[in-house]
Amino acid sequence: MINFKIMGNDIQHLYVELGPSDRIYAEGGHLIWKSSSVNIKATTGSGFMAGLKRAITGASFFVLELEGPGAIDIAGFAPGKIVEIDLGGNGVMVEHRAFLAMEPTVNYDVKLVGLGFGWLGGEGLLMARLQGNGRVFLHAIGDALMLELRPGESIDVEAGHVLAFDEGMRVSIRRVGGLRTMLFGEEGLWLAHIEGPGKAWLRTLSRQQMIMGLMPELARVARSA
């Protein structure tokens, strides 16, 4: 049986112990180290169309297939938290660049979510759809939040903070404020409106915030070069 262990505090990584013939799939470029006994190969997972679907969302055409026995360690591209979701036969919609790893019993697909949802949030119109009986692991920049919404409950989320949500939840785009908000508001003009029932996972730091936070330091380095 595969043993997963999320390790670390502010900068987390995923340690995985694989038995003989156990395998997982991971997004390329996230591997830190592996036991020499672990076999690794690049694969589309379920054929050319599966690779093409991943590429359409902006993820890699190939994923890494890692087969035991042995141990591996993988992490995201930026400081943050790792989120484990046990699908139990259900599906989740995932911001494509948040995908880290999954068990082989999980199917990776793509789905169009609410016209304008990703485009206005800067994340692309298509989201990854992960479905099956298995566990998936996502990487959230900053901290990760999980909100469980009852029927009739809803939240409005700045689109860049959406990590994932249960398939079947209603998602739409809502305009924030009027002309003053559009011209001067730092939060932008659009929010993702997510309606329950179901679970929604959010990240406390968007990519835009991370880039904006680094720009003064990058400018200072460029001036001193």
C-alpha atoms as a PDB file:
ATOM      1  CA  MET A   1       0.000   0.000   0.000  1.00  0.00           C
ATOM      2  CA  ILE A   2       1.260   3.469  -0.874  1.00  0.00           C
ATOM      3  CA  ASN A   3       2.145   5.619   2.135  1.00  0.00           C
ATOM      4  CA  PHE A   4       1.857   9.383   1.683  1.00  0.00           C
ATOM      5  CA  LYS A   5       3.265  11.835   4.216  1.00  0.00           C
ATOM      6  CA  ILE A   6       2.958  15.616   3.933  1.00  0.00           C
ATOM      7  CA  MET A   7       6.046  17.102   5.592  1.00  0.00           C
ATOM      8  CA  GLY A   8       7.283  20.591   6.458  1.00  0.00           C
ATOM      9  CA  ASN A   9       5.578  23.719   7.745  1.00  0.00           C
ATOM     10  CA  ASP A  10       5.573  26.856   5.604  1.00  0.00           C
ATOM     11  CA  ILE A  11       7.289  25.107   2.692  1.00  0.00           C
ATOM     12  CA  GLN A  12       5.763  21.640   2.458  1.00  0.00           C
ATOM     13  CA  HIS A  13       6.779  18.619   0.428  1.00  0.00           C
ATOM     14  CA  LEU A  14       5.213  15.208  -0.198  1.00  0.00           C
ATOM     15  CA  TYR A  15       7.131  12.109   0.894  1.00  0.00           C
ATOM     16  CA  VAL A  16       5.842   8.873  -0.668  1.00  0.00           C
ATOM     17  CA  GLU A  17       6.770   5.269   0.135  1.00  0.00           C
ATOM     18  CA  LEU A  18       6.052   2.810  -2.664  1.00  0.00           C
ATOM     19  CA  GLY A  19       5.898  -0.967  -2.360  1.00  0.00           C
ATOM     20  CA  PRO A  20       6.825  -3.325  -5.216  1.00  0.00           C
ATOM     21  CA  SER A  21       4.765  -2.434  -8.328  1.00  0.00           C
ATOM     22  CA  ASP A  22       3.112   0.505  -6.518  1.00  0.00           C
ATOM     23  CA  ARG A  23       3.056   3.608  -8.685  1.00  0.00           C
ATOM     24  CA  ILE A  24       1.857   7.191  -8.733  1.00  0.00           C
ATOM     25  CA  TYR A  25       1.729   9.934 -11.333  1.00  0.00           C
ATOM     26  CA  ALA A  26       3.289  13.346 -10.662  1.00  0.00           C
ATOM     27  CA  GLU A  27       3.543  16.590 -12.614  1.00  0.00           C
ATOM     28  CA  GLY A  28       6.951  16.878 -14.265  1.00  0.00           C
ATOM     29  CA  GLY A  29       9.581  19.056 -12.617  1.00  0.00           C
ATOM     30  CA  HIS A  30       8.344  18.517  -9.047  1.00  0.00           C
ATOM     31  CA  LEU A  31      10.611  15.580  -8.135  1.00  0.00           C
ATOM     32  CA  ILE A  32      13.222  16.387  -5.461  1.00  0.00           C
ATOM     33  CA  TRP A  33      14.779  12.941  -5.039  1.00  0.00           C
ATOM     34  CA  LYS A  34      13.966   9.231  -5.290  1.00  0.00           C
ATOM     35  CA  SER A  35      15.375   5.896  -4.217  1.00  0.00           C
ATOM     36  CA  SER A  36      17.524   4.390  -6.938  1.00  0.00           C
ATOM     37  CA  SER A  37      15.177   1.389  -6.929  1.00  0.00           C
ATOM     38  CA  VAL A  38      12.235   3.540  -8.069  1.00  0.00           C
ATOM     39  CA  ASN A  39      11.631   3.323 -11.800  1.00  0.00           C
ATOM     40  CA  ILE A  40      10.748   6.591 -13.505  1.00  0.00           C
ATOM     41  CA  LYS A  41       9.415   7.313 -16.983  1.00  0.00           C
ATOM     42  CA  ALA A  42       7.543  10.047 -18.786  1.00  0.00           C
ATOM     43  CA  THR A  43       4.097   9.003 -19.961  1.00  0.00           C
ATOM     44  CA  THR A  44       0.830  10.480 -21.150  1.00  0.00           C
ATOM     45  CA  GLY A  45      -0.923   8.310 -18.540  1.00  0.00           C
ATOM     46  CA  SER A  46      -3.856   7.143 -20.657  1.00  0.00           C
ATOM     47  CA  GLY A  47      -2.745   7.735 -24.215  1.00  0.00           C
ATOM     48  CA  PHE A  48      -2.238  10.686 -26.522  1.00  0.00           C
ATOM     49  CA  MET A  49      -5.596  12.317 -25.785  1.00  0.00           C
ATOM     50  CA  ALA A  50      -4.914  12.356 -22.044  1.00  0.00           C
ATOM     51  CA  GLY A  51      -1.629  14.168 -22.662  1.00  0.00           C
ATOM     52  CA  LEU A  52      -3.304  16.564 -25.063  1.00  0.00           C
ATOM     53  CA  LYS A  53      -5.996  17.408 -22.501  1.00  0.00           C
ATOM     54  CA  ARG A  54      -3.352  18.235 -19.902  1.00  0.00           C
ATOM     55  CA  ALA A  55      -1.495  20.407 -22.397  1.00  0.00           C
ATOM     56  CA  ILE A  56      -4.719  22.270 -23.228  1.00  0.00           C
ATOM     57  CA  THR A  57      -5.098  23.343 -19.591  1.00  0.00           C
ATOM     58  CA  GLY A  58      -1.509  24.607 -19.531  1.00  0.00           C
ATOM     59  CA  ALA A  59      -0.058  21.625 -17.676  1.00  0.00           C
ATOM     60  CA  SER A  60       2.645  19.313 -19.061  1.00  0.00           C
ATOM     61  CA  PHE A  61       1.829  16.957 -21.944  1.00  0.00           C
ATOM     62  CA  PHE A  62       3.656  14.178 -20.089  1.00  0.00           C
ATOM     63  CA  VAL A  63       3.485  13.198 -16.430  1.00  0.00           C
ATOM     64  CA  LEU A  64       6.039  11.223 -14.464  1.00  0.00           C
ATOM     65  CA  GLU A  65       5.160   7.626 -13.671  1.00  0.00           C
ATOM     66  CA  LEU A  66       7.061   6.546 -10.557  1.00  0.00           C
ATOM     67  CA  GLU A  67       7.007   2.841  -9.690  1.00  0.00           C
ATOM     68  CA  GLY A  68       8.331   1.211  -6.532  1.00  0.00           C
ATOM     69  CA  PRO A  69       9.763  -0.220  -4.459  1.00  0.00           C
ATOM     70  CA  GLY A  70      11.348   2.767  -2.780  1.00  0.00           C
ATOM     71  CA  ALA A  71      10.699   6.338  -1.679  1.00  0.00           C
ATOM     72  CA  ILE A  72      10.267   9.626  -3.506  1.00  0.00           C
ATOM     73  CA  ASP A  73       9.933  13.260  -2.461  1.00  0.00           C
ATOM     74  CA  ILE A  74       8.110  15.930  -4.489  1.00  0.00           C
ATOM     75  CA  ALA A  75       7.224  19.585  -3.935  1.00  0.00           C
ATOM     76  CA  GLY A  76       5.622  22.615  -5.583  1.00  0.00           C
ATOM     77  CA  PHE A  77       7.435  25.413  -7.404  1.00  0.00           C
ATOM     78  CA  ALA A  78       6.871  28.019  -4.667  1.00  0.00           C
ATOM     79  CA  PRO A  79       6.519  28.132  -0.856  1.00  0.00           C
ATOM     80  CA  GLY A  80       3.115  26.840   0.171  1.00  0.00           C
ATOM     81  CA  LYS A  81       0.948  24.029   1.470  1.00  0.00           C
ATOM     82  CA  ILE A  82       0.059  20.634   0.044  1.00  0.00           C
ATOM     83  CA  VAL A  83      -3.622  19.681  -0.020  1.00  0.00           C
ATOM     84  CA  GLU A  84      -4.720  16.026   0.018  1.00  0.00           C
ATOM     85  CA  ILE A  85      -8.147  15.172  -1.411  1.00  0.00           C
ATOM     86  CA  ASP A  86      -9.580  11.653  -1.237  1.00  0.00           C
ATOM     87  CA  LEU A  87     -12.007  11.564  -4.151  1.00  0.00           C
ATOM     88  CA  GLY A  88     -13.975   8.477  -3.129  1.00  0.00           C
ATOM     89  CA  GLY A  89     -15.465   8.122  -6.600  1.00  0.00           C
ATOM     90  CA  ASN A  90     -16.308  11.809  -6.903  1.00  0.00           C
ATOM     91  CA  GLY A  91     -14.686  14.564  -8.928  1.00  0.00           C
ATOM     92  CA  VAL A  92     -13.014  17.897  -8.254  1.00  0.00           C
ATOM     93  CA  MET A  93     -12.252  20.824 -10.513  1.00  0.00           C
ATOM     94  CA  VAL A  94      -8.656  21.991 -10.071  1.00  0.00           C
ATOM     95  CA  GLU A  95      -6.666  25.028 -11.186  1.00  0.00           C
ATOM     96  CA  HIS A  96      -4.336  23.231 -13.577  1.00  0.00           C
ATOM     97  CA  ARG A  97      -1.000  24.495 -12.247  1.00  0.00           C
ATOM     98  CA  ALA A  98      -1.942  23.379  -8.737  1.00  0.00           C
ATOM     99  CA  PHE A  99      -1.801  19.661  -9.657  1.00  0.00           C
ATOM    100  CA  LEU A 100       1.068  17.841  -7.936  1.00  0.00           C
ATOM    101  CA  ALA A 101       0.418  14.080  -7.880  1.00  0.00           C
ATOM    102  CA  MET A 102      -2.292  11.410  -7.988  1.00  0.00           C
ATOM    103  CA  GLU A 103      -2.844   7.699  -7.582  1.00  0.00           C
ATOM    104  CA  PRO A 104      -3.195   5.654 -10.798  1.00  0.00           C
ATOM    105  CA  THR A 105      -6.917   5.062 -10.107  1.00  0.00           C
ATOM    106  CA  VAL A 106      -7.607   8.767 -10.708  1.00  0.00           C
ATOM    107  CA  ASN A 107      -8.577  10.047 -14.155  1.00  0.00           C
ATOM    108  CA  TYR A 108      -7.252  13.396 -15.405  1.00  0.00           C
ATOM    109  CA  ASP A 109      -9.669  15.225 -17.697  1.00  0.00           C
ATOM    110  CA  VAL A 110     -10.449  18.848 -18.590  1.00  0.00           C
ATOM    111  CA  LYS A 111     -13.677  20.819 -18.436  1.00  0.00           C
ATOM    112  CA  LEU A 112     -14.864  24.287 -19.353  1.00  0.00           C
ATOM    113  CA  VAL A 113     -15.930  26.143 -16.223  1.00  0.00           C
ATOM    114  CA  GLY A 114     -18.274  29.152 -16.309  1.00  0.00           C
ATOM    115  CA  LEU A 115     -17.637  31.380 -19.314  1.00  0.00           C
ATOM    116  CA  GLY A 116     -14.998  33.915 -18.325  1.00  0.00           C
ATOM    117  CA  PHE A 117     -14.153  32.303 -14.972  1.00  0.00           C
ATOM    118  CA  GLY A 118     -10.527  31.501 -15.723  1.00  0.00           C
ATOM    119  CA  TRP A 119      -9.923  34.151 -18.371  1.00  0.00           C
ATOM    120  CA  LEU A 120     -10.876  37.030 -16.100  1.00  0.00           C
ATOM    121  CA  GLY A 121      -8.892  35.490 -13.254  1.00  0.00           C
ATOM    122  CA  GLY A 122      -5.836  34.979 -15.445  1.00  0.00           C
ATOM    123  CA  GLU A 123      -5.894  31.193 -15.077  1.00  0.00           C
ATOM    124  CA  GLY A 124      -7.269  30.014 -18.441  1.00  0.00           C
ATOM    125  CA  LEU A 125     -10.793  28.941 -19.413  1.00  0.00           C
ATOM    126  CA  LEU A 126     -10.232  25.225 -18.868  1.00  0.00           C
ATOM    127  CA  MET A 127      -9.707  23.548 -15.524  1.00  0.00           C
ATOM    128  CA  ALA A 128      -8.433  20.076 -14.729  1.00  0.00           C
ATOM    129  CA  ARG A 129     -11.136  17.569 -13.754  1.00  0.00           C
ATOM    130  CA  LEU A 130      -9.840  14.809 -11.471  1.00  0.00           C
ATOM    131  CA  GLN A 131     -12.223  11.923 -10.851  1.00  0.00           C
ATOM    132  CA  GLY A 132     -12.002   8.382  -9.484  1.00  0.00           C
ATOM    133  CA  ASN A 133     -11.377   6.293  -6.392  1.00  0.00           C
ATOM    134  CA  GLY A 134      -8.064   7.584  -5.155  1.00  0.00           C
ATOM    135  CA  ARG A 135      -6.125  10.446  -3.678  1.00  0.00           C
ATOM    136  CA  VAL A 136      -4.890  13.571  -5.387  1.00  0.00           C
ATOM    137  CA  PHE A 137      -2.401  16.111  -4.061  1.00  0.00           C
ATOM    138  CA  LEU A 138      -2.457  19.801  -4.927  1.00  0.00           C
ATOM    139  CA  HIS A 139      -0.011  22.590  -4.173  1.00  0.00           C
ATOM    140  CA  ALA A 140      -1.324  25.896  -2.827  1.00  0.00           C
ATOM    141  CA  ILE A 141       0.859  29.006  -2.867  1.00  0.00           C
ATOM    142  CA  GLY A 142       0.799  30.492   0.625  1.00  0.00           C
ATOM    143  CA  ASP A 143      -1.638  28.765   2.973  1.00  0.00           C
ATOM    144  CA  ALA A 144      -4.612  26.578   2.033  1.00  0.00           C
ATOM    145  CA  LEU A 145      -8.195  26.949   3.197  1.00  0.00           C
ATOM    146  CA  MET A 146     -11.073  24.483   2.894  1.00  0.00           C
ATOM    147  CA  LEU A 147     -14.629  25.802   3.122  1.00  0.00           C
ATOM    148  CA  GLU A 148     -17.611  23.438   3.195  1.00  0.00           C
ATOM    149  CA  LEU A 149     -20.768  25.067   1.917  1.00  0.00           C
ATOM    150  CA  ARG A 150     -24.244  23.831   2.760  1.00  0.00           C
ATOM    151  CA  PRO A 151     -27.144  24.019   0.288  1.00  0.00           C
ATOM    152  CA  GLY A 152     -27.989  27.668  -0.299  1.00  0.00           C
ATOM    153  CA  GLU A 153     -24.635  28.940   0.981  1.00  0.00           C
ATOM    154  CA  SER A 154     -22.249  30.722  -1.375  1.00  0.00           C
ATOM    155  CA  ILE A 155     -18.954  32.611  -1.344  1.00  0.00           C
ATOM    156  CA  ASP A 156     -17.332  35.214  -3.574  1.00  0.00           C
ATOM    157  CA  VAL A 157     -13.634  34.595  -4.175  1.00  0.00           C
ATOM    158  CA  GLU A 158     -11.024  36.677  -5.973  1.00  0.00           C
ATOM    159  CA  ALA A 159     -10.470  34.376  -8.929  1.00  0.00           C
ATOM    160  CA  GLY A 160      -6.704  34.000  -8.464  1.00  0.00           C
ATOM    161  CA  HIS A 161      -7.281  32.451  -5.028  1.00  0.00           C
ATOM    162  CA  VAL A 162      -9.408  29.525  -6.257  1.00  0.00           C
ATOM    163  CA  LEU A 163      -7.528  26.233  -5.879  1.00  0.00           C
ATOM    164  CA  ALA A 164     -10.264  23.613  -6.379  1.00  0.00           C
ATOM    165  CA  PHE A 165     -13.917  22.847  -5.759  1.00  0.00           C
ATOM    166  CA  ASP A 166     -16.201  19.829  -5.858  1.00  0.00           C
ATOM    167  CA  GLU A 167     -17.562  18.989  -9.267  1.00  0.00           C
ATOM    168  CA  GLY A 168     -21.234  19.897  -9.475  1.00  0.00           C
ATOM    169  CA  MET A 169     -20.926  23.163  -7.554  1.00  0.00           C
ATOM    170  CA  ARG A 170     -22.261  26.155  -9.476  1.00  0.00           C
ATOM    171  CA  VAL A 171     -19.575  28.677 -10.407  1.00  0.00           C
ATOM    172  CA  SER A 172     -20.095  32.024 -12.114  1.00  0.00           C
ATOM    173  CA  ILE A 173     -18.445  35.426 -12.414  1.00  0.00           C
ATOM    174  CA  ARG A 174     -19.817  38.463 -10.606  1.00  0.00           C
ATOM    175  CA  ARG A 175     -18.960  42.095 -11.103  1.00  0.00           C
ATOM    176  CA  VAL A 176     -17.626  43.994  -8.084  1.00  0.00           C
ATOM    177  CA  GLY A 177     -18.812  47.558  -7.515  1.00  0.00           C
ATOM    178  CA  GLY A 178     -19.042  50.307 -10.111  1.00  0.00           C
ATOM    179  CA  LEU A 179     -16.718  52.616 -11.988  1.00  0.00           C
ATOM    180  CA  ARG A 180     -14.737  53.638  -8.885  1.00  0.00           C
ATOM    181  CA  THR A 181     -13.924  50.003  -8.086  1.00  0.00           C
ATOM    182  CA  MET A 182     -12.951  49.372 -11.693  1.00  0.00           C
ATOM    183  CA  LEU A 183     -10.557  52.329 -11.779  1.00  0.00           C
ATOM    184  CA  PHE A 184      -9.061  52.245  -8.287  1.00  0.00           C
ATOM    185  CA  GLY A 185      -9.890  48.895  -6.665  1.00  0.00           C
ATOM    186  CA  GLU A 186      -6.887  46.662  -6.108  1.00  0.00           C
ATOM    187  CA  GLU A 187      -9.038  43.523  -5.999  1.00  0.00           C
ATOM    188  CA  GLY A 188     -10.170  43.854  -9.605  1.00  0.00           C
ATOM    189  CA  LEU A 189     -13.635  43.947 -11.100  1.00  0.00           C
ATOM    190  CA  TRP A 190     -14.609  40.280 -11.038  1.00  0.00           C
ATOM    191  CA  LEU A 191     -15.084  37.638  -8.364  1.00  0.00           C
ATOM    192  CA  ALA A 192     -15.799  33.929  -8.719  1.00  0.00           C
ATOM    193  CA  HIS A 193     -19.189  33.128  -7.160  1.00  0.00           C
ATOM    194  CA  ILE A 194     -19.255  29.549  -5.832  1.00  0.00           C
ATOM    195  CA  GLU A 195     -22.531  27.997  -4.614  1.00  0.00           C
ATOM    196  CA  GLY A 196     -22.942  24.984  -2.316  1.00  0.00           C
ATOM    197  CA  PRO A 197     -23.400  22.280  -1.429  1.00  0.00           C
ATOM    198  CA  GLY A 198     -19.813  21.099  -1.598  1.00  0.00           C
ATOM    199  CA  LYS A 199     -16.245  21.869  -0.626  1.00  0.00           C
ATOM    200  CA  ALA A 200     -14.076  24.644  -2.002  1.00  0.00           C
ATOM    201  CA  TRP A 201     -10.318  24.882  -1.496  1.00  0.00           C
ATOM    202  CA  LEU A 202      -8.659  28.304  -1.635  1.00  0.00           C
ATOM    203  CA  ARG A 203      -5.070  29.556  -1.508  1.00  0.00           C
ATOM    204  CA  THR A 204      -4.210  32.643   0.501  1.00  0.00           C
ATOM    205  CA  LEU A 205      -1.681  33.898  -2.051  1.00  0.00           C
ATOM    206  CA  SER A 206      -2.423  34.304  -5.747  1.00  0.00           C
ATOM    207  CA  ARG A 207       0.255  34.204  -8.424  1.00  0.00           C
ATOM    208  CA  GLN A 208      -0.419  37.844  -9.186  1.00  0.00           C
ATOM    209  CA  GLN A 209       0.185  38.798  -5.545  1.00  0.00           C
ATOM    210  CA  MET A 210       3.401  36.780  -5.461  1.00  0.00           C
ATOM    211  CA  ILE A 211       4.667  38.487  -8.632  1.00  0.00           C
ATOM    212  CA  MET A 212       3.689  41.953  -7.408  1.00  0.00           C
ATOM    213  CA  GLY A 213       5.444  41.303  -4.105  1.00  0.00           C
ATOM    214  CA  LEU A 214       8.660  40.315  -5.878  1.00  0.00           C
ATOM    215  CA  MET A 215       8.702  43.146  -8.415  1.00  0.00           C
ATOM    216  CA  PRO A 216      10.304  45.784  -6.109  1.00  0.00           C
ATOM    217  CA  GLU A 217      13.095  43.345  -5.203  1.00  0.00           C
ATOM    218  CA  LEU A 218      13.620  42.360  -8.842  1.00  0.00           C
ATOM    219  CA  ALA A 219      13.744  46.015  -9.869  1.00  0.00           C
ATOM    220  CA  ARG A 220      16.354  46.707  -7.180  1.00  0.00           C
ATOM    221  CA  VAL A 221      18.492  43.790  -8.383  1.00  0.00           C
ATOM    222  CA  ALA A 222      18.184  44.986 -11.984  1.00  0.00           C
ATOM    223  CA  ARG A 223      19.281  48.521 -11.042  1.00  0.00           C
ATOM    224  CA  SER A 224      22.313  47.246  -9.167  1.00  0.00           C
ATOM    225  CA  ALA A 225      23.399  44.900 -11.958  1.00  0.00           C
END
